[in-house]
Amino acid sequence: MRVPGNFHIGHHAFGDIVQFLQMKGLTFDNSFRINHLSFGKKADFEAIAANFPDAGVMHPLDGFEKKKPEGLEMRCGFYLKAVPAIFLGEFASWYTTVFGKKLLHRNEVFQLNASSETEFQSWESLIIFNYEVSPFAVEYSNVRENFLQFLISMMAIIGGVFTFASIVDSVIHKGSKIVFKDRINKL
């Protein structure tokens, strides 16, 4: 089970120290810039960028910045939806050429979808990140399936269409029988 959570950045735990420093005439600039935010290992993101150039794994908050207006406090909230993404790819190595077996590498990361909300005139400056992990995962693969797997998949699709069509035909046939018997008062 994946539980939503949050993390935040602020100086509210040191409110008495901040208040003392402000009384001494010091001001705080709580403007910020997010250089990078991602859920996953850096090595996995690098491998995905190399092996899946068209996958479009993005980091939507990279480069996001917010300037604090003079005399106002700022509370900025981010809402993140993290979707697990699994990337399966073939390993090219001497083992595959000598023994003829396919070796697969698996990279797991989270693709983020983000939205933000900024509130000025808040009583303190705070940056909050609320995140929720999707229960569904997206799987990408650049592994070519063999002809037998393709044939089995096609037969499964055709079988599913045939089953659905026979169910619809059965419902229509039974329904028309009932309507016909109702018209001739034989129900």
C-alpha atoms as a PDB file:
ATOM      1  CA  MET A   1       0.000   0.000   0.000  1.00  0.00           C
ATOM      2  CA  ARG A   2       1.372   3.390  -0.938  1.00  0.00           C
ATOM      3  CA  VAL A   3       0.618   6.168   1.483  1.00  0.00           C
ATOM      4  CA  PRO A   4       0.545   9.857   0.555  1.00  0.00           C
ATOM      5  CA  GLY A   5       2.921  12.098   2.431  1.00  0.00           C
ATOM      6  CA  ASN A   6       4.545  15.488   2.591  1.00  0.00           C
ATOM      7  CA  PHE A   7       7.736  17.267   3.443  1.00  0.00           C
ATOM      8  CA  HIS A   8       8.256  20.946   4.007  1.00  0.00           C
ATOM      9  CA  ILE A   9      10.997  23.530   4.272  1.00  0.00           C
ATOM     10  CA  GLY A  10      10.662  26.449   6.628  1.00  0.00           C
ATOM     11  CA  HIS A  11      12.028  28.111   9.702  1.00  0.00           C
ATOM     12  CA  HIS A  12       8.904  27.742  11.822  1.00  0.00           C
ATOM     13  CA  ALA A  13      10.706  25.413  14.266  1.00  0.00           C
ATOM     14  CA  PHE A  14      13.028  28.308  15.083  1.00  0.00           C
ATOM     15  CA  GLY A  15      10.328  30.975  15.300  1.00  0.00           C
ATOM     16  CA  ASP A  16      11.659  32.503  18.509  1.00  0.00           C
ATOM     17  CA  ILE A  17      15.171  32.871  17.068  1.00  0.00           C
ATOM     18  CA  VAL A  18      13.830  34.347  13.817  1.00  0.00           C
ATOM     19  CA  GLN A  19      11.653  36.788  15.753  1.00  0.00           C
ATOM     20  CA  PHE A  20      14.646  37.826  17.897  1.00  0.00           C
ATOM     21  CA  LEU A  21      16.794  38.394  14.789  1.00  0.00           C
ATOM     22  CA  GLN A  22      14.011  40.410  13.130  1.00  0.00           C
ATOM     23  CA  MET A  23      13.782  42.581  16.248  1.00  0.00           C
ATOM     24  CA  LYS A  24      17.535  43.222  15.836  1.00  0.00           C
ATOM     25  CA  GLY A  25      16.847  44.572  12.339  1.00  0.00           C
ATOM     26  CA  LEU A  26      17.746  41.554  10.208  1.00  0.00           C
ATOM     27  CA  THR A  27      15.477  40.646   7.309  1.00  0.00           C
ATOM     28  CA  PHE A  28      15.071  37.286   5.633  1.00  0.00           C
ATOM     29  CA  ASP A  29      14.669  36.763   1.921  1.00  0.00           C
ATOM     30  CA  ASN A  30      12.780  33.501   1.530  1.00  0.00           C
ATOM     31  CA  SER A  31      12.858  33.469  -2.261  1.00  0.00           C
ATOM     32  CA  PHE A  32      13.800  30.081  -3.610  1.00  0.00           C
ATOM     33  CA  ARG A  33      14.742  28.095  -6.696  1.00  0.00           C
ATOM     34  CA  ILE A  34      14.324  24.334  -7.162  1.00  0.00           C
ATOM     35  CA  ASN A  35      17.339  23.080  -9.070  1.00  0.00           C
ATOM     36  CA  HIS A  36      16.188  19.465  -9.267  1.00  0.00           C
ATOM     37  CA  LEU A  37      13.489  17.284  -7.723  1.00  0.00           C
ATOM     38  CA  SER A  38      12.916  13.653  -8.650  1.00  0.00           C
ATOM     39  CA  PHE A  39      11.962  10.366  -7.023  1.00  0.00           C
ATOM     40  CA  GLY A  40      14.406   7.661  -8.084  1.00  0.00           C
ATOM     41  CA  LYS A  41      18.109   6.979  -8.425  1.00  0.00           C
ATOM     42  CA  LYS A  42      20.243   9.281 -10.552  1.00  0.00           C
ATOM     43  CA  ALA A  43      21.866   6.291 -12.286  1.00  0.00           C
ATOM     44  CA  ASP A  44      18.428   4.993 -13.321  1.00  0.00           C
ATOM     45  CA  PHE A  45      17.465   8.364 -14.839  1.00  0.00           C
ATOM     46  CA  GLU A  46      20.762   8.451 -16.767  1.00  0.00           C
ATOM     47  CA  ALA A  47      20.231   4.910 -18.088  1.00  0.00           C
ATOM     48  CA  ILE A  48      16.665   5.769 -19.138  1.00  0.00           C
ATOM     49  CA  ALA A  49      17.824   8.913 -20.958  1.00  0.00           C
ATOM     50  CA  ALA A  50      20.409   6.835 -22.841  1.00  0.00           C
ATOM     51  CA  ASN A  51      18.216   3.840 -23.724  1.00  0.00           C
ATOM     52  CA  PHE A  52      14.779   5.477 -24.047  1.00  0.00           C
ATOM     53  CA  PRO A  53      15.347   8.909 -25.622  1.00  0.00           C
ATOM     54  CA  ASP A  54      11.686   9.255 -26.673  1.00  0.00           C
ATOM     55  CA  ALA A  55      10.190   8.317 -23.293  1.00  0.00           C
ATOM     56  CA  GLY A  56       9.956  11.939 -22.193  1.00  0.00           C
ATOM     57  CA  VAL A  57      10.789  11.470 -18.517  1.00  0.00           C
ATOM     58  CA  MET A  58      10.690  15.021 -17.235  1.00  0.00           C
ATOM     59  CA  HIS A  59      11.227  16.759 -13.960  1.00  0.00           C
ATOM     60  CA  PRO A  60       8.479  19.413 -13.941  1.00  0.00           C
ATOM     61  CA  LEU A  61       9.822  21.422 -10.999  1.00  0.00           C
ATOM     62  CA  ASP A  62      13.405  21.767 -12.232  1.00  0.00           C
ATOM     63  CA  GLY A  63      14.214  25.467 -12.470  1.00  0.00           C
ATOM     64  CA  PHE A  64      11.037  26.597 -10.667  1.00  0.00           C
ATOM     65  CA  GLU A  65      11.643  29.783  -8.728  1.00  0.00           C
ATOM     66  CA  LYS A  66       9.608  32.193  -6.683  1.00  0.00           C
ATOM     67  CA  LYS A  67      10.594  35.649  -5.466  1.00  0.00           C
ATOM     68  CA  LYS A  68       9.214  36.880  -2.168  1.00  0.00           C
ATOM     69  CA  PRO A  69       7.613  40.327  -2.372  1.00  0.00           C
ATOM     70  CA  GLU A  70       8.966  42.991  -0.064  1.00  0.00           C
ATOM     71  CA  GLY A  71       7.250  43.036   3.317  1.00  0.00           C
ATOM     72  CA  LEU A  72       5.124  39.906   2.783  1.00  0.00           C
ATOM     73  CA  GLU A  73       5.588  36.334   3.874  1.00  0.00           C
ATOM     74  CA  MET A  74       5.085  33.589   1.314  1.00  0.00           C
ATOM     75  CA  ARG A  75       3.684  30.096   1.617  1.00  0.00           C
ATOM     76  CA  CYS A  76       4.176  27.948  -1.474  1.00  0.00           C
ATOM     77  CA  GLY A  77       2.503  24.549  -1.792  1.00  0.00           C
ATOM     78  CA  PHE A  78       3.361  21.903  -4.363  1.00  0.00           C
ATOM     79  CA  TYR A  79       1.100  18.965  -5.148  1.00  0.00           C
ATOM     80  CA  LEU A  80       2.958  16.052  -6.712  1.00  0.00           C
ATOM     81  CA  LYS A  81       1.503  12.914  -8.272  1.00  0.00           C
ATOM     82  CA  ALA A  82       4.233  10.261  -8.556  1.00  0.00           C
ATOM     83  CA  VAL A  83       3.553   7.539 -11.121  1.00  0.00           C
ATOM     84  CA  PRO A  84       5.858   4.504 -10.942  1.00  0.00           C
ATOM     85  CA  ALA A  85       7.569   3.890 -14.268  1.00  0.00           C
ATOM     86  CA  ILE A  86       9.405   0.680 -15.090  1.00  0.00           C
ATOM     87  CA  PHE A  87      11.785   0.635 -18.051  1.00  0.00           C
ATOM     88  CA  LEU A  88      12.848  -2.743 -19.445  1.00  0.00           C
ATOM     89  CA  GLY A  89      15.645  -2.888 -21.973  1.00  0.00           C
ATOM     90  CA  GLU A  90      18.093  -5.318 -23.515  1.00  0.00           C
ATOM     91  CA  PHE A  91      21.653  -5.457 -22.288  1.00  0.00           C
ATOM     92  CA  ALA A  92      24.235  -5.626 -25.048  1.00  0.00           C
ATOM     93  CA  SER A  93      27.175  -7.669 -23.774  1.00  0.00           C
ATOM     94  CA  TRP A  94      29.479 -10.495 -24.737  1.00  0.00           C
ATOM     95  CA  TYR A  95      27.212 -12.908 -22.837  1.00  0.00           C
ATOM     96  CA  THR A  96      24.298 -12.292 -25.209  1.00  0.00           C
ATOM     97  CA  THR A  97      26.414 -12.895 -28.303  1.00  0.00           C
ATOM     98  CA  VAL A  98      28.191 -16.020 -27.013  1.00  0.00           C
ATOM     99  CA  PHE A  99      25.279 -17.815 -25.336  1.00  0.00           C
ATOM    100  CA  GLY A 100      22.420 -16.285 -27.342  1.00  0.00           C
ATOM    101  CA  LYS A 101      20.341 -15.352 -24.282  1.00  0.00           C
ATOM    102  CA  LYS A 102      18.739 -11.981 -23.754  1.00  0.00           C
ATOM    103  CA  LEU A 103      19.725 -10.135 -20.625  1.00  0.00           C
ATOM    104  CA  LEU A 104      17.306  -7.462 -19.485  1.00  0.00           C
ATOM    105  CA  HIS A 105      18.010  -4.461 -17.345  1.00  0.00           C
ATOM    106  CA  ARG A 106      15.263  -2.885 -15.289  1.00  0.00           C
ATOM    107  CA  ASN A 107      15.155   0.754 -14.212  1.00  0.00           C
ATOM    108  CA  GLU A 108      12.462   1.944 -11.829  1.00  0.00           C
ATOM    109  CA  VAL A 109      11.758   5.645 -11.299  1.00  0.00           C
ATOM    110  CA  PHE A 110       8.773   7.872 -10.641  1.00  0.00           C
ATOM    111  CA  GLN A 111       7.392  10.260 -13.222  1.00  0.00           C
ATOM    112  CA  LEU A 112       6.094  13.406 -11.565  1.00  0.00           C
ATOM    113  CA  ASN A 113       3.100  15.557 -12.346  1.00  0.00           C
ATOM    114  CA  ALA A 114       3.157  18.802 -10.386  1.00  0.00           C
ATOM    115  CA  SER A 115       0.984  21.798  -9.637  1.00  0.00           C
ATOM    116  CA  SER A 116       1.649  24.662  -7.279  1.00  0.00           C
ATOM    117  CA  GLU A 117      -0.170  27.275  -5.293  1.00  0.00           C
ATOM    118  CA  THR A 118       1.327  30.377  -3.701  1.00  0.00           C
ATOM    119  CA  GLU A 119      -0.227  32.339  -0.882  1.00  0.00           C
ATOM    120  CA  PHE A 120       1.141  35.721   0.125  1.00  0.00           C
ATOM    121  CA  GLN A 121       0.417  37.419   3.457  1.00  0.00           C
ATOM    122  CA  SER A 122       0.804  34.108   5.239  1.00  0.00           C
ATOM    123  CA  TRP A 123       2.006  34.316   8.800  1.00  0.00           C
ATOM    124  CA  GLU A 124       5.248  32.490   7.959  1.00  0.00           C
ATOM    125  CA  SER A 125       7.339  31.572   4.964  1.00  0.00           C
ATOM    126  CA  LEU A 126       7.011  27.910   4.154  1.00  0.00           C
ATOM    127  CA  ILE A 127       7.472  25.556   1.201  1.00  0.00           C
ATOM    128  CA  ILE A 128       5.296  22.439   1.354  1.00  0.00           C
ATOM    129  CA  PHE A 129       5.528  19.417  -0.931  1.00  0.00           C
ATOM    130  CA  ASN A 130       2.483  17.107  -0.778  1.00  0.00           C
ATOM    131  CA  TYR A 131       2.914  13.917  -2.776  1.00  0.00           C
ATOM    132  CA  GLU A 132       0.756  10.958  -3.657  1.00  0.00           C
ATOM    133  CA  VAL A 133       2.016   7.755  -5.252  1.00  0.00           C
ATOM    134  CA  SER A 134      -0.200   6.320  -7.968  1.00  0.00           C
ATOM    135  CA  PRO A 135      -1.334   2.719  -7.450  1.00  0.00           C
ATOM    136  CA  PHE A 136      -0.789   2.049 -11.159  1.00  0.00           C
ATOM    137  CA  ALA A 137       2.581   1.716 -12.866  1.00  0.00           C
ATOM    138  CA  VAL A 138       3.584   2.436 -16.447  1.00  0.00           C
ATOM    139  CA  GLU A 139       5.911  -0.047 -18.111  1.00  0.00           C
ATOM    140  CA  TYR A 140       8.102   0.816 -21.089  1.00  0.00           C
ATOM    141  CA  SER A 141      10.026  -1.805 -23.017  1.00  0.00           C
ATOM    142  CA  ASN A 142      12.359  -1.721 -25.976  1.00  0.00           C
ATOM    143  CA  VAL A 143      12.577  -5.509 -26.084  1.00  0.00           C
ATOM    144  CA  ARG A 144      11.320  -7.058 -29.286  1.00  0.00           C
ATOM    145  CA  GLU A 145       8.920  -9.951 -28.710  1.00  0.00           C
ATOM    146  CA  ASN A 146       9.242 -13.050 -30.844  1.00  0.00           C
ATOM    147  CA  PHE A 147       6.689 -14.142 -33.437  1.00  0.00           C
ATOM    148  CA  LEU A 148       5.108 -16.805 -31.199  1.00  0.00           C
ATOM    149  CA  GLN A 149       4.363 -14.233 -28.484  1.00  0.00           C
ATOM    150  CA  PHE A 150       2.865 -11.931 -31.120  1.00  0.00           C
ATOM    151  CA  LEU A 151       0.695 -14.767 -32.464  1.00  0.00           C
ATOM    152  CA  ILE A 152      -0.550 -15.690 -28.985  1.00  0.00           C
ATOM    153  CA  SER A 153      -1.421 -12.047 -28.266  1.00  0.00           C
ATOM    154  CA  MET A 154      -3.348 -11.747 -31.534  1.00  0.00           C
ATOM    155  CA  MET A 155      -5.310 -14.947 -30.818  1.00  0.00           C
ATOM    156  CA  ALA A 156      -6.170 -13.647 -27.339  1.00  0.00           C
ATOM    157  CA  ILE A 157      -7.495 -10.402 -28.832  1.00  0.00           C
ATOM    158  CA  ILE A 158      -9.520 -12.239 -31.476  1.00  0.00           C
ATOM    159  CA  GLY A 159     -10.887 -14.620 -28.819  1.00  0.00           C
ATOM    160  CA  GLY A 160     -11.909 -11.687 -26.627  1.00  0.00           C
ATOM    161  CA  VAL A 161     -13.717  -9.975 -29.509  1.00  0.00           C
ATOM    162  CA  PHE A 162     -15.471 -13.233 -30.427  1.00  0.00           C
ATOM    163  CA  THR A 163     -16.574 -13.804 -26.807  1.00  0.00           C
ATOM    164  CA  PHE A 164     -17.890 -10.260 -26.470  1.00  0.00           C
ATOM    165  CA  ALA A 165     -19.761 -10.500 -29.799  1.00  0.00           C
ATOM    166  CA  SER A 166     -21.368 -13.819 -28.787  1.00  0.00           C
ATOM    167  CA  ILE A 167     -22.513 -12.332 -25.446  1.00  0.00           C
ATOM    168  CA  VAL A 168     -24.091  -9.349 -27.245  1.00  0.00           C
ATOM    169  CA  ASP A 169     -25.707 -11.694 -29.797  1.00  0.00           C
ATOM    170  CA  SER A 170     -27.113 -13.878 -26.991  1.00  0.00           C
ATOM    171  CA  VAL A 171     -28.588 -10.883 -25.157  1.00  0.00           C
ATOM    172  CA  ILE A 172     -30.214  -9.561 -28.338  1.00  0.00           C
ATOM    173  CA  HIS A 173     -31.576 -13.020 -29.271  1.00  0.00           C
ATOM    174  CA  LYS A 174     -33.076 -13.665 -25.799  1.00  0.00           C
ATOM    175  CA  GLY A 175     -34.474 -10.134 -25.655  1.00  0.00           C
ATOM    176  CA  SER A 176     -36.184 -10.454 -29.031  1.00  0.00           C
ATOM    177  CA  LYS A 177     -37.669 -13.838 -27.987  1.00  0.00           C
ATOM    178  CA  ILE A 178     -39.173 -12.276 -24.874  1.00  0.00           C
ATOM    179  CA  VAL A 179     -40.598  -9.348 -26.864  1.00  0.00           C
ATOM    180  CA  PHE A 180     -42.067 -11.729 -29.472  1.00  0.00           C
ATOM    181  CA  LYS A 181     -43.690 -13.959 -26.799  1.00  0.00           C
ATOM    182  CA  ASP A 182     -45.079 -10.853 -25.080  1.00  0.00           C
ATOM    183  CA  ARG A 183     -46.721  -9.710 -28.320  1.00  0.00           C
ATOM    184  CA  ILE A 184     -48.493 -13.021 -28.858  1.00  0.00           C
ATOM    185  CA  ASN A 185     -49.418 -13.304 -25.148  1.00  0.00           C
ATOM    186  CA  LYS A 186     -47.430 -16.506 -24.549  1.00  0.00           C
ATOM    187  CA  LEU A 187     -45.310 -15.282 -21.615  1.00  0.00           C
END
